[in-house]
Amino acid sequence: MVRKVADCRRSPCAMNCTLTISGEENEVVRAAAGHAVSAHGRADSPELREEIRAMLEDERLPAYPMAGPPPPEGEIFDL
């Protein structure tokens, strides 16, 4: 399952909010709605949740989060 991302920097806001939330789609929508209510004064409504759902993006992770290439298959290494 592809994780979703809600990034406040991509929504119109006078506060210059930098919060980013990632996870499964329903978790992100629920958390982002709570944030919109508590931090931005929005009313929780089906319309708000649809607005959030429409702005979600797929999470993009680096191919190799560690420096350098991955170890050969099955090799154990220390971080």
C-alpha atoms as a PDB file:
ATOM      1  CA  MET A   1       0.000   0.000   0.000  1.00  0.00           C
ATOM      2  CA  VAL A   2       1.312   3.437  -0.934  1.00  0.00           C
ATOM      3  CA  ARG A   3       1.542   5.855   1.979  1.00  0.00           C
ATOM      4  CA  LYS A   4      -0.012   9.285   1.501  1.00  0.00           C
ATOM      5  CA  VAL A   5       1.305  12.724   2.464  1.00  0.00           C
ATOM      6  CA  ALA A   6      -0.559  15.892   3.445  1.00  0.00           C
ATOM      7  CA  ASP A   7       1.753  18.911   3.394  1.00  0.00           C
ATOM      8  CA  CYS A   8       0.441  22.184   4.851  1.00  0.00           C
ATOM      9  CA  ARG A   9       2.913  24.113   2.710  1.00  0.00           C
ATOM     10  CA  ARG A  10       0.849  23.107  -0.333  1.00  0.00           C
ATOM     11  CA  SER A  11      -2.450  24.481   0.946  1.00  0.00           C
ATOM     12  CA  PRO A  12      -3.405  28.139   0.983  1.00  0.00           C
ATOM     13  CA  CYS A  13      -2.749  29.437   4.475  1.00  0.00           C
ATOM     14  CA  ALA A  14      -1.767  32.764   5.961  1.00  0.00           C
ATOM     15  CA  MET A  15       0.164  31.057   8.784  1.00  0.00           C
ATOM     16  CA  ASN A  16       3.045  29.631   6.731  1.00  0.00           C
ATOM     17  CA  CYS A  17       2.494  26.259   8.402  1.00  0.00           C
ATOM     18  CA  THR A  18       5.154  23.643   7.645  1.00  0.00           C
ATOM     19  CA  LEU A  19       3.516  20.515   9.090  1.00  0.00           C
ATOM     20  CA  THR A  20       3.672  17.347   6.985  1.00  0.00           C
ATOM     21  CA  ILE A  21       1.661  14.234   7.863  1.00  0.00           C
ATOM     22  CA  SER A  22       2.240  10.831   6.266  1.00  0.00           C
ATOM     23  CA  GLY A  23       0.678   7.399   6.646  1.00  0.00           C
ATOM     24  CA  GLU A  24      -2.230   5.396   5.332  1.00  0.00           C
ATOM     25  CA  GLU A  25      -4.819   7.560   3.583  1.00  0.00           C
ATOM     26  CA  ASN A  26      -7.552   7.407   6.228  1.00  0.00           C
ATOM     27  CA  GLU A  27      -5.040   8.085   9.032  1.00  0.00           C
ATOM     28  CA  VAL A  28      -3.671  11.107   7.206  1.00  0.00           C
ATOM     29  CA  VAL A  29      -7.112  12.538   6.454  1.00  0.00           C
ATOM     30  CA  ARG A  30      -8.163  12.118  10.095  1.00  0.00           C
ATOM     31  CA  ALA A  31      -4.939  13.670  11.467  1.00  0.00           C
ATOM     32  CA  ALA A  32      -4.902  16.495   8.905  1.00  0.00           C
ATOM     33  CA  ALA A  33      -8.536  17.343   9.692  1.00  0.00           C
ATOM     34  CA  GLY A  34      -7.686  17.504  13.404  1.00  0.00           C
ATOM     35  CA  HIS A  35      -4.734  19.761  12.623  1.00  0.00           C
ATOM     36  CA  ALA A  36      -6.856  22.001  10.373  1.00  0.00           C
ATOM     37  CA  VAL A  37      -9.367  22.417  13.206  1.00  0.00           C
ATOM     38  CA  SER A  38      -6.899  22.969  16.061  1.00  0.00           C
ATOM     39  CA  ALA A  39      -4.220  25.000  14.288  1.00  0.00           C
ATOM     40  CA  HIS A  40      -6.089  26.734  11.462  1.00  0.00           C
ATOM     41  CA  GLY A  41      -9.547  27.272  12.949  1.00  0.00           C
ATOM     42  CA  ARG A  42     -11.354  25.270  10.280  1.00  0.00           C
ATOM     43  CA  ALA A  43     -14.632  23.496  10.985  1.00  0.00           C
ATOM     44  CA  ASP A  44     -14.459  19.708  10.726  1.00  0.00           C
ATOM     45  CA  SER A  45     -16.848  18.712   7.966  1.00  0.00           C
ATOM     46  CA  PRO A  46     -17.146  16.219   5.124  1.00  0.00           C
ATOM     47  CA  GLU A  47     -16.163  19.055   2.770  1.00  0.00           C
ATOM     48  CA  LEU A  48     -12.915  19.684   4.701  1.00  0.00           C
ATOM     49  CA  ARG A  49     -12.033  15.988   4.606  1.00  0.00           C
ATOM     50  CA  GLU A  50     -12.677  15.827   0.862  1.00  0.00           C
ATOM     51  CA  GLU A  51     -10.512  18.926   0.383  1.00  0.00           C
ATOM     52  CA  ILE A  52      -7.727  17.206   2.334  1.00  0.00           C
ATOM     53  CA  ARG A  53      -8.169  13.942   0.428  1.00  0.00           C
ATOM     54  CA  ALA A  54      -7.864  15.832  -2.876  1.00  0.00           C
ATOM     55  CA  MET A  55      -4.537  17.401  -1.856  1.00  0.00           C
ATOM     56  CA  LEU A  56      -2.905  14.126  -0.771  1.00  0.00           C
ATOM     57  CA  GLU A  57       0.152  12.955  -2.655  1.00  0.00           C
ATOM     58  CA  ASP A  58       1.902   9.603  -2.738  1.00  0.00           C
ATOM     59  CA  GLU A  59       4.857   9.485  -0.362  1.00  0.00           C
ATOM     60  CA  ARG A  60       8.163   9.528  -2.219  1.00  0.00           C
ATOM     61  CA  LEU A  61      11.043   7.849  -0.444  1.00  0.00           C
ATOM     62  CA  PRO A  62      14.632   7.812  -1.645  1.00  0.00           C
ATOM     63  CA  ALA A  63      15.644   4.586  -3.382  1.00  0.00           C
ATOM     64  CA  TYR A  64      18.442   4.084  -0.825  1.00  0.00           C
ATOM     65  CA  PRO A  65      17.953   6.021   2.405  1.00  0.00           C
ATOM     66  CA  MET A  66      21.499   5.135   3.520  1.00  0.00           C
ATOM     67  CA  ALA A  67      24.684   6.574   2.066  1.00  0.00           C
ATOM     68  CA  GLY A  68      26.135   4.397  -0.674  1.00  0.00           C
ATOM     69  CA  PRO A  69      24.737   1.384  -2.497  1.00  0.00           C
ATOM     70  CA  PRO A  70      22.795  -1.331  -0.677  1.00  0.00           C
ATOM     71  CA  PRO A  71      24.729  -4.374   0.581  1.00  0.00           C
ATOM     72  CA  PRO A  72      24.655  -7.567  -1.503  1.00  0.00           C
ATOM     73  CA  GLU A  73      21.570  -9.743  -0.962  1.00  0.00           C
ATOM     74  CA  GLY A  74      21.718 -11.564   2.374  1.00  0.00           C
ATOM     75  CA  GLU A  75      24.806  -9.737   3.677  1.00  0.00           C
ATOM     76  CA  ILE A  76      24.646  -8.382   7.219  1.00  0.00           C
ATOM     77  CA  PHE A  77      26.259  -5.043   7.947  1.00  0.00           C
ATOM     78  CA  ASP A  78      26.561  -2.505  10.786  1.00  0.00           C
ATOM     79  CA  LEU A  79      25.124   0.981  10.552  1.00  0.00           C
END
